[in-house]
Amino acid sequence: MGEDSTGVAPVPGEIVDTVYGRQRVTAVIDMPLIEPTIYLRPERGGQEWSVPVAQFARVRTDHSDTP
């Protein structure tokens, strides 16, 4: 499966911090002939959106110091 620049692809169900707030990974699609894509939805519900795995590091943030 594809990986972002951190070398780790998120898994469905994982909560990640992004520049758009906390998002739940709903799917990671990696099919032949199609760029691997991560699908996300705001943690508390809202519009699902996607980002290519290769570009995920651009929207992911590290808030490991916050609860």
PDB file of N, CA and C in Angstrom:
ATOM      1  N   MET A   1       0.847  -1.177   0.000  1.00  0.00           N
ATOM      2  CA  MET A   1       0.000   0.000   0.000  1.00  0.00           C
ATOM      3  C   MET A   1       0.886   1.231   0.000  1.00  0.00           C
ATOM      4  N   GLY A   2       0.367   2.326  -0.503  1.00  0.00           N
ATOM      5  CA  GLY A   2       1.131   3.569  -0.550  1.00  0.00           C
ATOM      6  C   GLY A   2       1.411   4.113   0.831  1.00  0.00           C
ATOM      7  N   GLU A   3       2.433   4.940   0.910  1.00  0.00           N
ATOM      8  CA  GLU A   3       2.811   5.556   2.169  1.00  0.00           C
ATOM      9  C   GLU A   3       2.998   7.051   1.962  1.00  0.00           C
ATOM     10  N   ASP A   4       2.728   7.838   3.018  1.00  0.00           N
ATOM     11  CA  ASP A   4       2.997   9.267   2.926  1.00  0.00           C
ATOM     12  C   ASP A   4       4.479   9.495   3.214  1.00  0.00           C
ATOM     13  N   SER A   5       4.916  10.741   3.268  1.00  0.00           N
ATOM     14  CA  SER A   5       6.343  11.025   3.427  1.00  0.00           C
ATOM     15  C   SER A   5       6.887  10.619   4.791  1.00  0.00           C
ATOM     16  N   THR A   6       5.992  10.328   5.754  1.00  0.00           N
ATOM     17  CA  THR A   6       6.460   9.852   7.052  1.00  0.00           C
ATOM     18  C   THR A   6       6.746   8.365   7.001  1.00  0.00           C
ATOM     19  N   GLY A   7       6.366   7.705   5.895  1.00  0.00           N
ATOM     20  CA  GLY A   7       6.604   6.280   5.749  1.00  0.00           C
ATOM     21  C   GLY A   7       5.506   5.420   6.325  1.00  0.00           C
ATOM     22  N   VAL A   8       4.448   6.044   6.849  1.00  0.00           N
ATOM     23  CA  VAL A   8       3.368   5.290   7.463  1.00  0.00           C
ATOM     24  C   VAL A   8       2.038   5.726   6.860  1.00  0.00           C
ATOM     25  N   ALA A   9       1.325   4.787   6.273  1.00  0.00           N
ATOM     26  CA  ALA A   9      -0.002   5.105   5.749  1.00  0.00           C
ATOM     27  C   ALA A   9      -1.015   4.914   6.877  1.00  0.00           C
ATOM     28  N   PRO A  10      -1.983   5.828   7.026  1.00  0.00           N
ATOM     29  CA  PRO A  10      -2.983   5.666   8.073  1.00  0.00           C
ATOM     30  C   PRO A  10      -3.901   4.489   7.763  1.00  0.00           C
ATOM     31  N   VAL A  11      -4.591   4.008   8.780  1.00  0.00           N
ATOM     32  CA  VAL A  11      -5.514   2.891   8.598  1.00  0.00           C
ATOM     33  C   VAL A  11      -6.946   3.382   8.824  1.00  0.00           C
ATOM     34  N   PRO A  12      -7.924   2.769   8.168  1.00  0.00           N
ATOM     35  CA  PRO A  12      -9.316   3.171   8.380  1.00  0.00           C
ATOM     36  C   PRO A  12      -9.692   3.108   9.861  1.00  0.00           C
ATOM     37  N   GLY A  13     -10.393   4.139  10.303  1.00  0.00           N
ATOM     38  CA  GLY A  13     -10.807   4.246  11.688  1.00  0.00           C
ATOM     39  C   GLY A  13      -9.873   5.102  12.523  1.00  0.00           C
ATOM     40  N   GLU A  14      -8.665   5.307  12.053  1.00  0.00           N
ATOM     41  CA  GLU A  14      -7.682   6.114  12.777  1.00  0.00           C
ATOM     42  C   GLU A  14      -8.098   7.585  12.754  1.00  0.00           C
ATOM     43  N   ILE A  15      -7.859   8.275  13.868  1.00  0.00           N
ATOM     44  CA  ILE A  15      -8.096   9.723  13.943  1.00  0.00           C
ATOM     45  C   ILE A  15      -6.754  10.402  13.721  1.00  0.00           C
ATOM     46  N   VAL A  16      -6.708  11.347  12.783  1.00  0.00           N
ATOM     47  CA  VAL A  16      -5.481  12.069  12.485  1.00  0.00           C
ATOM     48  C   VAL A  16      -5.735  13.571  12.587  1.00  0.00           C
ATOM     49  N   ASP A  17      -4.705  14.301  12.974  1.00  0.00           N
ATOM     50  CA  ASP A  17      -4.777  15.763  13.030  1.00  0.00           C
ATOM     51  C   ASP A  17      -4.351  16.309  11.676  1.00  0.00           C
ATOM     52  N   THR A  18      -5.166  17.206  11.121  1.00  0.00           N
ATOM     53  CA  THR A  18      -4.859  17.823   9.840  1.00  0.00           C
ATOM     54  C   THR A  18      -4.997  19.330   9.960  1.00  0.00           C
ATOM     55  N   VAL A  19      -4.608  20.032   8.915  1.00  0.00           N
ATOM     56  CA  VAL A  19      -4.773  21.485   8.898  1.00  0.00           C
ATOM     57  C   VAL A  19      -6.255  21.863   8.920  1.00  0.00           C
ATOM     58  N   TYR A  20      -7.134  20.900   8.678  1.00  0.00           N
ATOM     59  CA  TYR A  20      -8.577  21.128   8.695  1.00  0.00           C
ATOM     60  C   TYR A  20      -9.216  20.618   9.979  1.00  0.00           C
ATOM     61  N   GLY A  21      -8.416  20.261  10.973  1.00  0.00           N
ATOM     62  CA  GLY A  21      -8.932  19.739  12.236  1.00  0.00           C
ATOM     63  C   GLY A  21      -8.775  18.226  12.306  1.00  0.00           C
ATOM     64  N   ARG A  22      -9.340  17.639  13.363  1.00  0.00           N
ATOM     65  CA  ARG A  22      -9.239  16.192  13.549  1.00  0.00           C
ATOM     66  C   ARG A  22     -10.157  15.482  12.556  1.00  0.00           C
ATOM     67  N   GLN A  23      -9.594  14.482  11.881  1.00  0.00           N
ATOM     68  CA  GLN A  23     -10.319  13.761  10.838  1.00  0.00           C
ATOM     69  C   GLN A  23     -10.216  12.261  11.088  1.00  0.00           C
ATOM     70  N   ARG A  24     -11.299  11.543  10.754  1.00  0.00           N
ATOM     71  CA  ARG A  24     -11.293  10.085  10.831  1.00  0.00           C
ATOM     72  C   ARG A  24     -11.009   9.543   9.433  1.00  0.00           C
ATOM     73  N   VAL A  25     -10.055   8.635   9.347  1.00  0.00           N
ATOM     74  CA  VAL A  25      -9.759   7.980   8.071  1.00  0.00           C
ATOM     75  C   VAL A  25     -10.882   6.992   7.798  1.00  0.00           C
ATOM     76  N   THR A  26     -11.596   7.172   6.694  1.00  0.00           N
ATOM     77  CA  THR A  26     -12.702   6.270   6.369  1.00  0.00           C
ATOM     78  C   THR A  26     -12.277   5.165   5.417  1.00  0.00           C
ATOM     79  N   ALA A  27     -11.249   5.410   4.608  1.00  0.00           N
ATOM     80  CA  ALA A  27     -10.761   4.389   3.681  1.00  0.00           C
ATOM     81  C   ALA A  27      -9.412   4.794   3.129  1.00  0.00           C
ATOM     82  N   VAL A  28      -8.637   3.791   2.764  1.00  0.00           N
ATOM     83  CA  VAL A  28      -7.387   4.004   2.038  1.00  0.00           C
ATOM     84  C   VAL A  28      -7.471   3.085   0.826  1.00  0.00           C
ATOM     85  N   ILE A  29      -7.572   3.680  -0.346  1.00  0.00           N
ATOM     86  CA  ILE A  29      -7.762   2.920  -1.579  1.00  0.00           C
ATOM     87  C   ILE A  29      -6.460   2.898  -2.371  1.00  0.00           C
ATOM     88  N   ASP A  30      -6.011   1.708  -2.727  1.00  0.00           N
ATOM     89  CA  ASP A  30      -4.788   1.533  -3.504  1.00  0.00           C
ATOM     90  C   ASP A  30      -5.073   0.501  -4.586  1.00  0.00           C
ATOM     91  N   MET A  31      -5.532   0.976  -5.737  1.00  0.00           N
ATOM     92  CA  MET A  31      -5.891   0.100  -6.846  1.00  0.00           C
ATOM     93  C   MET A  31      -4.914   0.290  -7.995  1.00  0.00           C
ATOM     94  N   PRO A  32      -4.704  -0.741  -8.786  1.00  0.00           N
ATOM     95  CA  PRO A  32      -3.823  -0.603  -9.949  1.00  0.00           C
ATOM     96  C   PRO A  32      -4.301   0.535 -10.868  1.00  0.00           C
ATOM     97  N   LEU A  33      -3.355   1.253 -11.400  1.00  0.00           N
ATOM     98  CA  LEU A  33      -3.592   2.344 -12.358  1.00  0.00           C
ATOM     99  C   LEU A  33      -4.243   3.583 -11.755  1.00  0.00           C
ATOM    100  N   ILE A  34      -4.477   3.594 -10.449  1.00  0.00           N
ATOM    101  CA  ILE A  34      -5.073   4.754  -9.788  1.00  0.00           C
ATOM    102  C   ILE A  34      -4.162   5.143  -8.633  1.00  0.00           C
ATOM    103  N   GLU A  35      -3.916   6.442  -8.485  1.00  0.00           N
ATOM    104  CA  GLU A  35      -3.064   6.911  -7.397  1.00  0.00           C
ATOM    105  C   GLU A  35      -3.676   6.530  -6.048  1.00  0.00           C
ATOM    106  N   PRO A  36      -2.888   5.954  -5.125  1.00  0.00           N
ATOM    107  CA  PRO A  36      -3.414   5.623  -3.799  1.00  0.00           C
ATOM    108  C   PRO A  36      -4.015   6.867  -3.139  1.00  0.00           C
ATOM    109  N   THR A  37      -5.188   6.716  -2.549  1.00  0.00           N
ATOM    110  CA  THR A  37      -5.938   7.848  -2.012  1.00  0.00           C
ATOM    111  C   THR A  37      -6.434   7.557  -0.606  1.00  0.00           C
ATOM    112  N   ILE A  38      -6.387   8.581   0.253  1.00  0.00           N
ATOM    113  CA  ILE A  38      -6.904   8.493   1.616  1.00  0.00           C
ATOM    114  C   ILE A  38      -8.209   9.285   1.660  1.00  0.00           C
ATOM    115  N   TYR A  39      -9.250   8.674   2.206  1.00  0.00           N
ATOM    116  CA  TYR A  39     -10.542   9.345   2.368  1.00  0.00           C
ATOM    117  C   TYR A  39     -10.725   9.666   3.845  1.00  0.00           C
ATOM    118  N   LEU A  40     -11.123  10.915   4.119  1.00  0.00           N
ATOM    119  CA  LEU A  40     -11.260  11.384   5.493  1.00  0.00           C
ATOM    120  C   LEU A  40     -12.604  12.065   5.689  1.00  0.00           C
ATOM    121  N   ARG A  41     -13.048  12.093   6.943  1.00  0.00           N
ATOM    122  CA  ARG A  41     -14.284  12.787   7.319  1.00  0.00           C
ATOM    123  C   ARG A  41     -14.011  13.454   8.672  1.00  0.00           C
ATOM    124  N   PRO A  42     -14.510  14.678   8.877  1.00  0.00           N
ATOM    125  CA  PRO A  42     -14.312  15.324  10.181  1.00  0.00           C
ATOM    126  C   PRO A  42     -14.726  14.392  11.319  1.00  0.00           C
ATOM    127  N   GLU A  43     -13.980  14.419  12.414  1.00  0.00           N
ATOM    128  CA  GLU A  43     -14.208  13.524  13.540  1.00  0.00           C
ATOM    129  C   GLU A  43     -15.653  13.555  14.035  1.00  0.00           C
ATOM    130  N   ARG A  44     -16.267  14.708  14.029  1.00  0.00           N
ATOM    131  CA  ARG A  44     -17.639  14.833  14.538  1.00  0.00           C
ATOM    132  C   ARG A  44     -18.691  14.841  13.421  1.00  0.00           C
ATOM    133  N   GLY A  45     -18.302  14.353  12.260  1.00  0.00           N
ATOM    134  CA  GLY A  45     -19.245  14.273  11.141  1.00  0.00           C
ATOM    135  C   GLY A  45     -19.077  15.453  10.197  1.00  0.00           C
ATOM    136  N   GLY A  46     -19.481  15.259   8.972  1.00  0.00           N
ATOM    137  CA  GLY A  46     -19.364  16.309   7.973  1.00  0.00           C
ATOM    138  C   GLY A  46     -19.033  15.733   6.617  1.00  0.00           C
ATOM    139  N   GLN A  47     -18.581  16.568   5.727  1.00  0.00           N
ATOM    140  CA  GLN A  47     -18.303  16.202   4.346  1.00  0.00           C
ATOM    141  C   GLN A  47     -17.021  15.389   4.225  1.00  0.00           C
ATOM    142  N   GLU A  48     -17.122  14.231   3.601  1.00  0.00           N
ATOM    143  CA  GLU A  48     -15.939  13.413   3.346  1.00  0.00           C
ATOM    144  C   GLU A  48     -15.103  14.073   2.258  1.00  0.00           C
ATOM    145  N   TRP A  49     -13.796  13.943   2.369  1.00  0.00           N
ATOM    146  CA  TRP A  49     -12.883  14.493   1.371  1.00  0.00           C
ATOM    147  C   TRP A  49     -11.730  13.522   1.207  1.00  0.00           C
ATOM    148  N   SER A  50     -10.932  13.731   0.183  1.00  0.00           N
ATOM    149  CA  SER A  50      -9.839  12.797  -0.070  1.00  0.00           C
ATOM    150  C   SER A  50      -8.559  13.548  -0.416  1.00  0.00           C
ATOM    151  N   VAL A  51      -7.457  12.841  -0.252  1.00  0.00           N
ATOM    152  CA  VAL A  51      -6.143  13.386  -0.576  1.00  0.00           C
ATOM    153  C   VAL A  51      -5.278  12.213  -1.050  1.00  0.00           C
ATOM    154  N   PRO A  52      -4.479  12.425  -2.090  1.00  0.00           N
ATOM    155  CA  PRO A  52      -3.567  11.356  -2.506  1.00  0.00           C
ATOM    156  C   PRO A  52      -2.595  11.028  -1.366  1.00  0.00           C
ATOM    157  N   VAL A  53      -2.267   9.757  -1.197  1.00  0.00           N
ATOM    158  CA  VAL A  53      -1.348   9.347  -0.145  1.00  0.00           C
ATOM    159  C   VAL A  53      -0.040  10.136  -0.233  1.00  0.00           C
ATOM    160  N   ALA A  54       0.452  10.362  -1.438  1.00  0.00           N
ATOM    161  CA  ALA A  54       1.711  11.080  -1.621  1.00  0.00           C
ATOM    162  C   ALA A  54       1.648  12.521  -1.112  1.00  0.00           C
ATOM    163  N   GLN A  55       0.449  13.100  -1.023  1.00  0.00           N
ATOM    164  CA  GLN A  55       0.282  14.490  -0.581  1.00  0.00           C
ATOM    165  C   GLN A  55      -0.208  14.591   0.860  1.00  0.00           C
ATOM    166  N   PHE A  56      -0.440  13.463   1.515  1.00  0.00           N
ATOM    167  CA  PHE A  56      -1.018  13.459   2.857  1.00  0.00           C
ATOM    168  C   PHE A  56      -0.181  14.242   3.865  1.00  0.00           C
ATOM    169  N   ALA A  57       1.135  14.183   3.765  1.00  0.00           N
ATOM    170  CA  ALA A  57       2.000  14.896   4.705  1.00  0.00           C
ATOM    171  C   ALA A  57       1.774  16.408   4.655  1.00  0.00           C
ATOM    172  N   ARG A  58       1.286  16.919   3.541  1.00  0.00           N
ATOM    173  CA  ARG A  58       1.032  18.364   3.413  1.00  0.00           C
ATOM    174  C   ARG A  58      -0.154  18.825   4.249  1.00  0.00           C
ATOM    175  N   VAL A  59      -1.115  17.941   4.507  1.00  0.00           N
ATOM    176  CA  VAL A  59      -2.292  18.332   5.285  1.00  0.00           C
ATOM    177  C   VAL A  59      -2.258  17.796   6.707  1.00  0.00           C
ATOM    178  N   ARG A  60      -1.392  16.822   6.970  1.00  0.00           N
ATOM    179  CA  ARG A  60      -1.303  16.240   8.308  1.00  0.00           C
ATOM    180  C   ARG A  60      -0.480  17.154   9.209  1.00  0.00           C
ATOM    181  N   THR A  61      -0.908  17.302  10.454  1.00  0.00           N
ATOM    182  CA  THR A  61      -0.160  18.084  11.428  1.00  0.00           C
ATOM    183  C   THR A  61       0.136  17.192  12.626  1.00  0.00           C
ATOM    184  N   ASP A  62       1.045  17.602  13.460  1.00  0.00           N
ATOM    185  CA  ASP A  62       1.396  16.826  14.637  1.00  0.00           C
ATOM    186  C   ASP A  62       0.974  17.606  15.872  1.00  0.00           C
ATOM    187  N   HIS A  63      -0.077  17.145  16.504  1.00  0.00           N
ATOM    188  CA  HIS A  63      -0.548  17.767  17.741  1.00  0.00           C
ATOM    189  C   HIS A  63      -0.421  16.759  18.878  1.00  0.00           C
ATOM    190  N   SER A  64       0.649  15.993  18.864  1.00  0.00           N
ATOM    191  CA  SER A  64       0.815  14.953  19.870  1.00  0.00           C
ATOM    192  C   SER A  64       0.947  15.517  21.280  1.00  0.00           C
ATOM    193  N   ASP A  65       1.224  16.821  21.404  1.00  0.00           N
ATOM    194  CA  ASP A  65       1.362  17.427  22.728  1.00  0.00           C
ATOM    195  C   ASP A  65       0.033  17.901  23.303  1.00  0.00           C
ATOM    196  N   THR A  66      -1.059  17.783  22.522  1.00  0.00           N
ATOM    197  CA  THR A  66      -2.379  18.187  23.006  1.00  0.00           C
ATOM    198  C   THR A  66      -3.239  16.961  23.226  1.00  0.00           C
ATOM    199  N   PRO A  67      -4.150  16.987  24.209  1.00  0.00           N
ATOM    200  CA  PRO A  67      -4.988  15.807  24.485  1.00  0.00           C
ATOM    201  C   PRO A  67      -5.994  15.529  23.404  1.00  0.00           C
TER     202      PRO A  67
END
